Amino acid sequence: MTKHITDTARQTGTGRVQHFTRQDREDAIHPAIAKLHARPQSPDDQGQRRLAEFTRIERGHTA
């Protein structure tokens, strides 16, 4: 006697858990990004001025 088509074992595999953990991991902020956001931003920071000058030079603008 053969089994009926609906007489199958219910899958309780790890696929659902893996999908949930992947979504949870993708929604979280990476620790490196969190550190960058936590850094204090100073408007008179010398590094920002240097960056502006380097980008100006790279674009070909002269003083």
N, C-alpha and C. Protein backbone atom coordinates (compact mmCIF):
# COMPACT_ATOMS: atom_id res chain seq x y z
N MET A 1 0.85 -1.17 0.00
CA MET A 1 0.00 0.00 0.00
C MET A 1 0.90 1.24 0.00
N THR A 2 0.61 2.20 -0.84
CA THR A 2 1.41 3.42 -0.94
C THR A 2 0.83 4.52 -0.06
N LYS A 3 1.68 5.45 0.24
CA LYS A 3 1.23 6.59 1.07
C LYS A 3 0.41 7.55 0.24
N HIS A 4 -0.48 8.23 0.90
CA HIS A 4 -1.26 9.27 0.25
C HIS A 4 -0.36 10.48 0.01
N ILE A 5 -0.66 11.28 -0.99
CA ILE A 5 0.18 12.41 -1.36
C ILE A 5 0.30 13.44 -0.23
N THR A 6 -0.73 13.55 0.60
CA THR A 6 -0.66 14.50 1.71
C THR A 6 -0.06 13.90 2.97
N ASP A 7 0.28 12.65 2.92
CA ASP A 7 0.85 11.96 4.08
C ASP A 7 2.38 12.07 4.06
N THR A 8 2.86 13.28 4.29
CA THR A 8 4.30 13.53 4.30
C THR A 8 4.69 14.17 5.62
N ALA A 9 5.93 13.99 5.97
CA ALA A 9 6.42 14.60 7.20
C ALA A 9 6.56 16.11 7.01
N ARG A 10 6.18 16.82 8.02
CA ARG A 10 6.28 18.28 7.94
C ARG A 10 7.73 18.69 8.15
N GLN A 11 8.22 19.54 7.26
CA GLN A 11 9.61 19.98 7.35
C GLN A 11 9.73 21.04 8.44
N THR A 12 10.62 20.80 9.36
CA THR A 12 10.91 21.79 10.39
C THR A 12 12.40 22.08 10.33
N GLY A 13 12.89 22.21 9.11
CA GLY A 13 14.32 22.42 8.90
C GLY A 13 14.78 23.78 9.39
N THR A 14 16.03 24.05 9.14
CA THR A 14 16.64 25.28 9.63
C THR A 14 16.51 26.43 8.63
N GLY A 15 15.86 26.21 7.51
CA GLY A 15 15.75 27.25 6.49
C GLY A 15 15.09 28.52 7.01
N ARG A 16 14.03 28.34 7.80
CA ARG A 16 13.32 29.51 8.33
C ARG A 16 14.19 30.27 9.32
N VAL A 17 14.90 29.53 10.17
CA VAL A 17 15.78 30.17 11.15
C VAL A 17 16.94 30.87 10.45
N GLN A 18 17.50 30.23 9.43
CA GLN A 18 18.60 30.85 8.69
C GLN A 18 18.14 32.13 8.01
N HIS A 19 16.96 32.11 7.44
CA HIS A 19 16.43 33.31 6.79
C HIS A 19 16.22 34.43 7.81
N PHE A 20 15.67 34.09 8.96
CA PHE A 20 15.45 35.10 10.00
C PHE A 20 16.77 35.69 10.49
N THR A 21 17.77 34.84 10.74
CA THR A 21 19.05 35.36 11.24
C THR A 21 19.76 36.18 10.18
N ARG A 22 19.61 35.81 8.90
CA ARG A 22 20.22 36.61 7.83
C ARG A 22 19.58 38.00 7.78
N GLN A 23 18.26 38.06 7.88
CA GLN A 23 17.59 39.35 7.89
C GLN A 23 18.00 40.18 9.10
N ASP A 24 18.10 39.54 10.24
CA ASP A 24 18.50 40.25 11.46
C ASP A 24 19.92 40.79 11.32
N ARG A 25 20.79 40.01 10.74
CA ARG A 25 22.18 40.42 10.56
C ARG A 25 22.28 41.58 9.57
N GLU A 26 21.49 41.54 8.51
CA GLU A 26 21.53 42.61 7.51
C GLU A 26 20.92 43.91 8.03
N ASP A 27 19.99 43.82 8.96
CA ASP A 27 19.36 45.02 9.50
C ASP A 27 20.25 45.74 10.50
N ALA A 28 21.19 45.03 11.08
CA ALA A 28 22.05 45.62 12.11
C ALA A 28 23.12 46.50 11.46
N ILE A 29 23.61 47.45 12.22
CA ILE A 29 24.67 48.33 11.76
C ILE A 29 26.02 47.68 12.07
N HIS A 30 26.89 47.69 11.09
CA HIS A 30 28.22 47.11 11.28
C HIS A 30 28.97 47.92 12.34
N PRO A 31 29.77 47.26 13.20
CA PRO A 31 30.48 47.98 14.27
C PRO A 31 31.38 49.10 13.75
N ALA A 32 32.00 48.91 12.59
CA ALA A 32 32.85 49.97 12.04
C ALA A 32 32.03 51.20 11.69
N ILE A 33 30.84 51.00 11.16
CA ILE A 33 29.98 52.13 10.81
C ILE A 33 29.51 52.83 12.09
N ALA A 34 29.21 52.07 13.12
CA ALA A 34 28.79 52.66 14.38
C ALA A 34 29.90 53.53 14.97
N LYS A 35 31.16 53.07 14.86
CA LYS A 35 32.28 53.88 15.36
C LYS A 35 32.42 55.17 14.58
N LEU A 36 32.24 55.10 13.26
CA LEU A 36 32.34 56.31 12.44
C LEU A 36 31.25 57.31 12.81
N HIS A 37 30.06 56.83 13.08
CA HIS A 37 28.97 57.73 13.46
C HIS A 37 29.18 58.30 14.85
N ALA A 38 29.91 57.59 15.71
CA ALA A 38 30.11 58.03 17.08
C ALA A 38 31.25 59.03 17.21
N ARG A 39 32.06 59.16 16.18
CA ARG A 39 33.19 60.09 16.25
C ARG A 39 32.69 61.53 16.34
N PRO A 40 33.33 62.33 17.16
CA PRO A 40 32.91 63.73 17.24
C PRO A 40 33.26 64.47 15.95
N GLN A 41 32.39 65.34 15.53
CA GLN A 41 32.63 66.11 14.32
C GLN A 41 32.86 67.56 14.71
N SER A 42 34.02 68.04 14.36
CA SER A 42 34.38 69.41 14.66
C SER A 42 34.35 70.23 13.37
N PRO A 43 33.63 71.35 13.35
CA PRO A 43 33.56 72.12 12.12
C PRO A 43 34.90 72.76 11.73
N ASP A 44 35.76 73.01 12.69
CA ASP A 44 37.04 73.63 12.37
C ASP A 44 38.17 72.59 12.32
N ASP A 45 37.80 71.36 12.00
CA ASP A 45 38.77 70.28 11.94
C ASP A 45 39.73 70.51 10.77
N GLN A 46 41.02 70.42 11.03
CA GLN A 46 42.03 70.66 10.01
C GLN A 46 41.96 69.59 8.91
N GLY A 47 41.60 68.37 9.28
CA GLY A 47 41.51 67.29 8.30
C GLY A 47 40.46 67.56 7.24
N GLN A 48 39.36 68.16 7.64
CA GLN A 48 38.30 68.48 6.69
C GLN A 48 38.77 69.53 5.69
N ARG A 49 39.53 70.48 6.17
CA ARG A 49 40.04 71.53 5.27
C ARG A 49 41.02 70.94 4.26
N ARG A 50 41.88 70.03 4.75
CA ARG A 50 42.84 69.39 3.85
C ARG A 50 42.10 68.57 2.79
N LEU A 51 41.06 67.87 3.21
CA LEU A 51 40.29 67.07 2.27
C LEU A 51 39.66 67.97 1.20
N ALA A 52 39.13 69.10 1.61
CA ALA A 52 38.52 70.03 0.66
C ALA A 52 39.56 70.53 -0.33
N GLU A 53 40.76 70.81 0.15
CA GLU A 53 41.82 71.29 -0.74
C GLU A 53 42.25 70.21 -1.72
N PHE A 54 42.41 68.99 -1.24
CA PHE A 54 42.81 67.89 -2.12
C PHE A 54 41.76 67.62 -3.19
N THR A 55 40.48 67.67 -2.82
CA THR A 55 39.44 67.44 -3.81
C THR A 55 39.38 68.59 -4.81
N ARG A 56 39.63 69.81 -4.34
CA ARG A 56 39.67 70.95 -5.26
C ARG A 56 40.79 70.78 -6.27
N ILE A 57 41.96 70.37 -5.80
CA ILE A 57 43.10 70.16 -6.70
C ILE A 57 42.80 69.03 -7.68
N GLU A 58 42.18 67.95 -7.17
CA GLU A 58 41.86 66.81 -8.02
C GLU A 58 40.88 67.20 -9.13
N ARG A 59 39.98 68.09 -8.83
CA ARG A 59 39.01 68.53 -9.85
C ARG A 59 39.63 69.47 -10.87
N GLY A 60 40.82 69.96 -10.58
CA GLY A 60 41.51 70.82 -11.55
C GLY A 60 41.30 72.30 -11.29
N HIS A 61 40.67 72.65 -10.19
CA HIS A 61 40.46 74.07 -9.88
C HIS A 61 41.76 74.66 -9.33
N THR A 62 42.01 75.90 -9.68
CA THR A 62 43.17 76.59 -9.12
C THR A 62 42.70 77.69 -8.20
N ALA A 63 43.59 78.15 -7.40
CA ALA A 63 43.25 79.18 -6.42
C ALA A 63 42.92 80.44 -7.11
